[in-house]
């Protein structure tokens, strides 16, 4: 039986941990793409290391590494899913516009190759700003928008659950939490669709506790940067693998992802021609369907703030591509 193939572009901390967790789970064959750096080839080295680990764990999967700036991207052929983690973080006095411009330049190298060698793949975008780069990936590949999703809400919802758990002594398995909107300052923890056991979150936590949980969720990524000097990677990688597993095994799982809004979905969320975090049903073809969540008045206002924030940068991205 032919195993499915996962290609991971970018073998920094997030990319290598996506590969590690995918190997542990035996999700499929893998190809790691990284740059040749000063005579070193980290993608090849990590692929060898991971393959030997897979042998020890009894996982019959093939893992290879490619230095794409030397060998190109032909090894993308036959990929079921392509995960893009490559990009640069915002540094020093760099503006958001400069960051977006640089990451679009980087992204263009990959989208051209994906279109040429993996035209039937599903693409998961992890690079930031994820909502804008997910939109840009759709434009540059020319793929059906259901074949391209961004990783955002899965991670943000996990952080939401983490902070709820600090307040209520109950298993994470019995906490249902949902975060929509942009992956950033304007994310929207959705209280009306969040539960502890069978009780709405708003019936269990006080207003003060809810405000604290929302604030901690929004600052969750930034708090890690302050402590470590760089972005998180274990939880983002696990979030990607949750999405990967749903796609590879055609689970039909409902997960919050950055997705393109059009038609009935855009009308429901009052947001068209952007990518933003909403619940989608993920399967082997990418987005199988969208979940239309009814938001409270406050949540709708917060969501539209998120929409306006994304729309401005989407217009900027359009001018760059």
Protein backbone atom coordinates (compact mmCIF):
# COMPACT_ATOMS: atom_id res chain seq x y z
CA UNK A 1 0.00 0.00 0.00
CA UNK A 2 1.40 3.40 -1.00
CA UNK A 3 2.09 5.69 1.93
CA UNK A 4 1.10 9.32 1.69
CA UNK A 5 3.87 11.90 1.47
CA UNK A 6 4.28 14.99 3.64
CA UNK A 7 6.69 17.71 2.50
CA UNK A 8 7.89 20.26 5.05
CA UNK A 9 9.47 23.47 3.75
CA UNK A 10 11.62 24.99 6.48
CA UNK A 11 13.47 22.91 9.07
CA UNK A 12 13.75 25.40 11.90
CA UNK A 13 12.27 24.61 15.29
CA UNK A 14 8.66 24.40 14.11
CA UNK A 15 9.46 22.42 10.96
CA UNK A 16 11.70 19.90 12.69
CA UNK A 17 9.12 19.31 15.43
CA UNK A 18 6.37 18.81 12.85
CA UNK A 19 8.62 16.18 11.28
CA UNK A 20 9.41 14.62 14.66
CA UNK A 21 5.77 14.29 15.74
CA UNK A 22 4.71 13.05 12.29
CA UNK A 23 7.41 10.36 12.45
CA UNK A 24 6.35 9.31 15.96
CA UNK A 25 2.77 8.91 14.71
CA UNK A 26 3.89 7.29 11.45
CA UNK A 27 1.67 9.62 9.41
CA UNK A 28 3.53 8.98 6.16
CA UNK A 29 6.73 9.40 4.21
CA UNK A 30 8.39 12.78 4.56
CA UNK A 31 10.64 15.15 2.67
CA UNK A 32 12.32 17.99 4.56
CA UNK A 33 13.40 21.08 2.62
CA UNK A 34 15.98 23.47 4.04
CA UNK A 35 18.74 25.81 2.91
CA UNK A 36 22.39 24.91 2.45
CA UNK A 37 24.18 26.99 5.12
CA UNK A 38 27.93 27.55 5.04
CA UNK A 39 28.76 24.03 3.94
CA UNK A 40 26.17 22.49 6.28
CA UNK A 41 22.98 20.77 5.14
CA UNK A 42 20.63 20.68 8.14
CA UNK A 43 17.65 19.27 6.24
CA UNK A 44 19.65 16.21 5.20
CA UNK A 45 21.10 15.74 8.69
CA UNK A 46 17.74 15.99 10.42
CA UNK A 47 16.18 13.60 7.92
CA UNK A 48 18.85 10.98 8.64
CA UNK A 49 18.42 11.43 12.39
CA UNK A 50 14.63 11.17 12.16
CA UNK A 51 14.80 8.11 9.94
CA UNK A 52 17.00 6.32 12.46
CA UNK A 53 14.57 7.30 15.21
CA UNK A 54 11.70 5.90 13.11
CA UNK A 55 13.59 2.61 12.76
CA UNK A 56 13.91 2.38 16.55
CA UNK A 57 10.19 3.07 16.94
CA UNK A 58 9.19 0.50 14.33
CA UNK A 59 7.81 3.07 11.90
CA UNK A 60 8.19 1.91 8.29
CA UNK A 61 8.37 5.34 6.73
CA UNK A 62 10.84 6.94 4.35
CA UNK A 63 12.36 10.32 5.28
CA UNK A 64 14.66 12.35 3.05
CA UNK A 65 16.24 15.79 3.25
CA UNK A 66 16.79 18.29 0.43
CA UNK A 67 18.88 21.46 0.31
CA UNK A 68 16.47 23.30 -1.97
CA UNK A 69 18.80 26.16 -2.86
CA UNK A 70 21.17 23.58 -4.37
CA UNK A 71 18.89 20.74 -5.49
CA UNK A 72 15.65 22.56 -6.18
CA UNK A 73 12.15 21.32 -5.40
CA UNK A 74 11.57 18.32 -7.67
CA UNK A 75 11.30 16.13 -4.55
CA UNK A 76 7.94 17.80 -3.89
CA UNK A 77 6.45 15.44 -6.48
CA UNK A 78 3.68 13.14 -5.16
CA UNK A 79 3.19 15.20 -1.98
CA UNK A 80 -0.24 14.80 -0.39
CA UNK A 81 0.38 17.74 1.95
CA UNK A 82 2.95 20.54 1.88
CA UNK A 83 3.65 22.39 5.14
CA UNK A 84 5.27 25.82 4.86
CA UNK A 85 7.08 26.93 8.02
CA UNK A 86 9.89 28.96 6.40
CA UNK A 87 10.07 32.72 6.84
CA UNK A 88 11.80 35.39 8.88
CA UNK A 89 10.63 36.74 12.24
CA UNK A 90 10.10 40.44 12.82
CA UNK A 91 13.35 42.01 14.00
CA UNK A 92 14.32 45.25 15.71
CA UNK A 93 12.83 48.30 14.00
CA UNK A 94 11.36 46.28 11.10
CA UNK A 95 7.81 47.40 10.36
CA UNK A 96 4.96 44.93 9.75
CA UNK A 97 4.94 46.09 6.11
CA UNK A 98 8.66 45.26 5.75
CA UNK A 99 8.14 41.86 7.39
CA UNK A 100 5.25 41.10 5.05
CA UNK A 101 7.28 42.17 2.01
CA UNK A 102 10.25 39.96 2.94
CA UNK A 103 8.13 36.92 3.71
CA UNK A 104 6.16 37.26 0.47
CA UNK A 105 9.49 37.23 -1.42
CA UNK A 106 10.44 34.03 0.41
CA UNK A 107 7.00 32.51 -0.05
CA UNK A 108 7.03 33.10 -3.81
CA UNK A 109 9.96 30.66 -4.23
CA UNK A 110 7.92 27.91 -2.62
CA UNK A 111 4.56 28.60 -4.24
CA UNK A 112 6.06 28.47 -7.74
CA UNK A 113 7.59 25.08 -6.91
CA UNK A 114 4.40 23.74 -5.29
CA UNK A 115 2.37 24.75 -8.34
CA UNK A 116 4.86 22.99 -10.63
CA UNK A 117 5.63 19.80 -8.71
CA UNK A 118 2.72 19.27 -6.28
CA UNK A 119 -0.35 20.71 -8.01
CA UNK A 120 -2.75 18.30 -6.26
CA UNK A 121 -1.45 18.78 -2.72
CA UNK A 122 -3.12 20.42 0.27
CA UNK A 123 -1.01 23.27 1.67
CA UNK A 124 -0.76 24.20 5.36
CA UNK A 125 0.75 27.66 5.94
CA UNK A 126 2.47 28.27 9.28
CA UNK A 127 4.71 31.26 8.46
CA UNK A 128 3.64 34.64 9.85
CA UNK A 129 1.65 36.79 9.40
CA UNK A 130 -0.27 33.57 8.79
CA UNK A 131 -3.65 34.97 7.70
CA UNK A 132 -2.06 37.21 5.08
CA UNK A 133 0.42 34.57 3.88
CA UNK A 134 -2.38 31.99 3.58
CA UNK A 135 -4.23 34.42 1.32
CA UNK A 136 -1.02 35.10 -0.62
CA UNK A 137 -0.38 31.36 -1.06
CA UNK A 138 -3.82 30.93 -2.63
CA UNK A 139 -3.12 33.80 -5.01
CA UNK A 140 0.38 32.68 -5.98
CA UNK A 141 -0.40 28.98 -6.44
CA UNK A 142 -3.75 29.52 -8.12
CA UNK A 143 -5.08 26.63 -6.01
CA UNK A 144 -8.72 26.24 -5.10
CA UNK A 145 -9.04 28.09 -1.80
CA UNK A 146 -10.22 24.91 -0.05
CA UNK A 147 -6.80 23.37 -0.67
CA UNK A 148 -4.91 26.00 1.38
CA UNK A 149 -5.31 26.51 5.14
CA UNK A 150 -3.35 28.40 7.78
CA UNK A 151 -2.45 27.15 11.24
CA UNK A 152 -3.72 29.59 13.85
CA UNK A 153 -6.95 28.83 15.69
CA UNK A 154 -5.89 25.32 16.72
CA UNK A 155 -2.93 26.79 18.63
CA UNK A 156 -4.87 29.76 20.01
CA UNK A 157 -7.69 27.49 21.20
CA UNK A 158 -5.16 25.24 22.96
CA UNK A 159 -3.73 28.28 24.75
CA UNK A 160 -7.26 29.30 25.71
CA UNK A 161 -7.83 25.86 27.27
CA UNK A 162 -4.51 26.09 29.11
CA UNK A 163 -5.52 29.30 30.84
CA UNK A 164 -9.05 28.06 31.62
CA UNK A 165 -7.49 24.99 33.27
CA UNK A 166 -5.55 27.26 35.65
CA UNK A 167 -8.88 28.50 37.00
CA UNK A 168 -10.92 25.28 37.05
CA UNK A 169 -9.58 21.93 38.25
CA UNK A 170 -10.92 19.72 35.46
CA UNK A 171 -9.35 17.61 32.72
CA UNK A 172 -8.33 19.37 29.52
CA UNK A 173 -10.39 16.73 27.71
CA UNK A 174 -13.54 18.18 29.27
CA UNK A 175 -12.81 21.76 28.27
CA UNK A 176 -14.06 22.91 24.87
CA UNK A 177 -12.64 26.25 23.83
CA UNK A 178 -12.84 28.13 20.54
CA UNK A 179 -10.77 31.05 19.25
CA UNK A 180 -11.61 32.74 15.95
CA UNK A 181 -10.31 35.76 14.04
CA UNK A 182 -6.77 36.76 13.33
CA UNK A 183 -3.74 35.01 14.81
CA UNK A 184 -2.63 38.10 16.74
CA UNK A 185 -3.79 40.90 19.00
CA UNK A 186 -7.35 40.82 17.62
CA UNK A 187 -8.04 37.11 18.09
CA UNK A 188 -11.51 36.37 19.46
CA UNK A 189 -11.97 33.80 22.25
CA UNK A 190 -15.60 32.76 21.73
CA UNK A 191 -17.22 32.40 25.14
CA UNK A 192 -20.64 31.54 23.72
CA UNK A 193 -19.15 28.39 22.15
CA UNK A 194 -16.82 27.37 24.98
CA UNK A 195 -17.74 24.84 27.66
CA UNK A 196 -16.48 23.21 30.83
CA UNK A 197 -18.07 19.80 30.83
CA UNK A 198 -21.63 20.50 29.68
CA UNK A 199 -21.79 23.96 31.22
CA UNK A 200 -21.14 27.16 29.26
CA UNK A 201 -17.86 28.74 30.35
CA UNK A 202 -19.72 31.91 31.32
CA UNK A 203 -21.70 29.95 33.95
CA UNK A 204 -18.54 28.59 35.61
CA UNK A 205 -16.09 31.50 35.53
CA UNK A 206 -16.67 34.98 36.91
CA UNK A 207 -16.55 38.02 34.62
CA UNK A 208 -13.15 38.91 36.09
CA UNK A 209 -11.80 35.40 35.48
CA UNK A 210 -13.09 35.46 31.90
CA UNK A 211 -11.38 38.79 31.22
CA UNK A 212 -8.12 37.40 32.61
CA UNK A 213 -8.35 34.25 30.47
CA UNK A 214 -9.02 36.30 27.32
CA UNK A 215 -6.07 38.59 28.03
CA UNK A 216 -3.71 35.68 28.75
CA UNK A 217 -4.80 33.94 25.54
CA UNK A 218 -4.12 37.01 23.43
CA UNK A 219 -0.71 37.47 25.04
CA UNK A 220 0.13 33.75 25.04
CA UNK A 221 2.62 33.84 22.18
CA UNK A 222 4.21 37.11 23.28
CA UNK A 223 4.83 35.82 26.79
CA UNK A 224 6.94 32.99 25.37
CA UNK A 225 8.93 35.43 23.23
CA UNK A 226 9.66 37.56 26.32
CA UNK A 227 10.91 34.56 28.30
CA UNK A 228 12.88 32.85 25.52
CA UNK A 229 13.68 35.55 22.98
CA UNK A 230 12.01 33.60 20.18
CA UNK A 231 8.62 32.22 19.22
CA UNK A 232 7.06 28.99 20.48
CA UNK A 233 7.60 25.79 18.52
CA UNK A 234 6.39 22.68 20.39
CA UNK A 235 2.72 23.71 20.55
CA UNK A 236 2.66 25.22 17.03
CA UNK A 237 4.17 21.98 15.68
CA UNK A 238 1.59 19.89 17.54
CA UNK A 239 -1.15 22.10 16.13
CA UNK A 240 0.10 21.49 12.59
CA UNK A 241 0.24 17.74 13.20
CA UNK A 242 -3.37 17.75 14.43
CA UNK A 243 -4.33 19.31 11.10
CA UNK A 244 -2.04 16.95 9.17
CA UNK A 245 -3.56 13.88 10.78
CA UNK A 246 -7.08 15.08 9.91
CA UNK A 247 -6.06 15.55 6.27
CA UNK A 248 -3.90 12.45 5.81
CA UNK A 249 -6.48 10.15 7.40
CA UNK A 250 -9.50 12.01 5.98
CA UNK A 251 -10.96 12.46 9.47
CA UNK A 252 -13.45 15.20 8.74
CA UNK A 253 -12.43 16.96 11.95
CA UNK A 254 -13.79 20.36 12.87
CA UNK A 255 -10.80 22.61 13.62
CA UNK A 256 -10.38 26.41 13.67
CA UNK A 257 -8.03 27.36 10.81
CA UNK A 258 -7.20 30.42 8.78
CA UNK A 259 -9.40 29.94 5.71
CA UNK A 260 -10.56 31.95 2.72
CA UNK A 261 -14.10 33.30 3.02
CA UNK A 262 -16.43 33.55 0.04
CA UNK A 263 -20.11 33.08 -0.80
CA UNK A 264 -22.48 31.97 1.98
CA UNK A 265 -19.61 31.70 4.49
CA UNK A 266 -18.45 35.26 3.78
CA UNK A 267 -22.02 36.50 4.11
CA UNK A 268 -22.46 34.76 7.46
CA UNK A 269 -19.23 36.16 8.92
CA UNK A 270 -19.56 39.54 7.14
CA UNK A 271 -16.08 39.18 5.69
CA UNK A 272 -15.23 38.50 2.06
CA UNK A 273 -12.01 37.93 0.11
CA UNK A 274 -9.77 37.48 3.16
CA UNK A 275 -8.32 34.57 5.12
CA UNK A 276 -9.25 34.51 8.78
CA UNK A 277 -9.69 31.98 11.57
CA UNK A 278 -13.03 30.13 11.43
CA UNK A 279 -14.05 26.50 12.15
CA UNK A 280 -13.66 24.24 9.12
CA UNK A 281 -14.07 20.52 8.44
CA UNK A 282 -10.68 19.11 7.37
CA UNK A 283 -10.28 16.03 5.19
CA UNK A 284 -8.08 14.65 2.44
CA UNK A 285 -9.05 17.38 -0.04
CA UNK A 286 -8.44 20.17 2.46
CA UNK A 287 -11.47 22.12 3.60
CA UNK A 288 -14.46 19.83 3.20
CA UNK A 289 -16.93 22.30 4.70
CA UNK A 290 -17.25 25.37 6.94
CA UNK A 291 -18.98 25.59 10.32
CA UNK A 292 -21.17 28.69 10.63
CA UNK A 293 -20.89 29.79 14.25
CA UNK A 294 -23.42 32.24 15.66
CA UNK A 295 -21.58 34.91 17.64
CA UNK A 296 -22.92 37.12 20.42
CA UNK A 297 -23.11 40.87 19.79
CA UNK A 298 -19.82 41.50 21.60
CA UNK A 299 -18.09 38.60 19.82
CA UNK A 300 -19.31 39.82 16.42
CA UNK A 301 -17.92 43.30 17.10
CA UNK A 302 -14.56 41.81 18.13
CA UNK A 303 -14.54 39.54 15.10
CA UNK A 304 -15.18 42.48 12.77
CA UNK A 305 -12.29 44.35 14.41
CA UNK A 306 -10.17 41.34 13.49
CA UNK A 307 -11.55 41.41 9.94
CA UNK A 308 -10.66 45.08 9.51
CA UNK A 309 -7.14 44.48 10.78
CA UNK A 310 -6.59 41.65 8.29
CA UNK A 311 -8.26 43.47 5.39
CA UNK A 312 -5.75 46.33 5.56
CA UNK A 313 -2.77 43.98 5.27
CA UNK A 314 -4.50 41.85 2.65
CA UNK A 315 -4.78 44.92 0.43
CA UNK A 316 -1.10 45.61 1.04
CA UNK A 317 -0.23 42.01 0.10
CA UNK A 318 -2.26 42.33 -3.11
CA UNK A 319 -0.18 45.33 -4.14
CA UNK A 320 3.01 43.33 -3.51
CA UNK A 321 1.98 40.31 -5.60
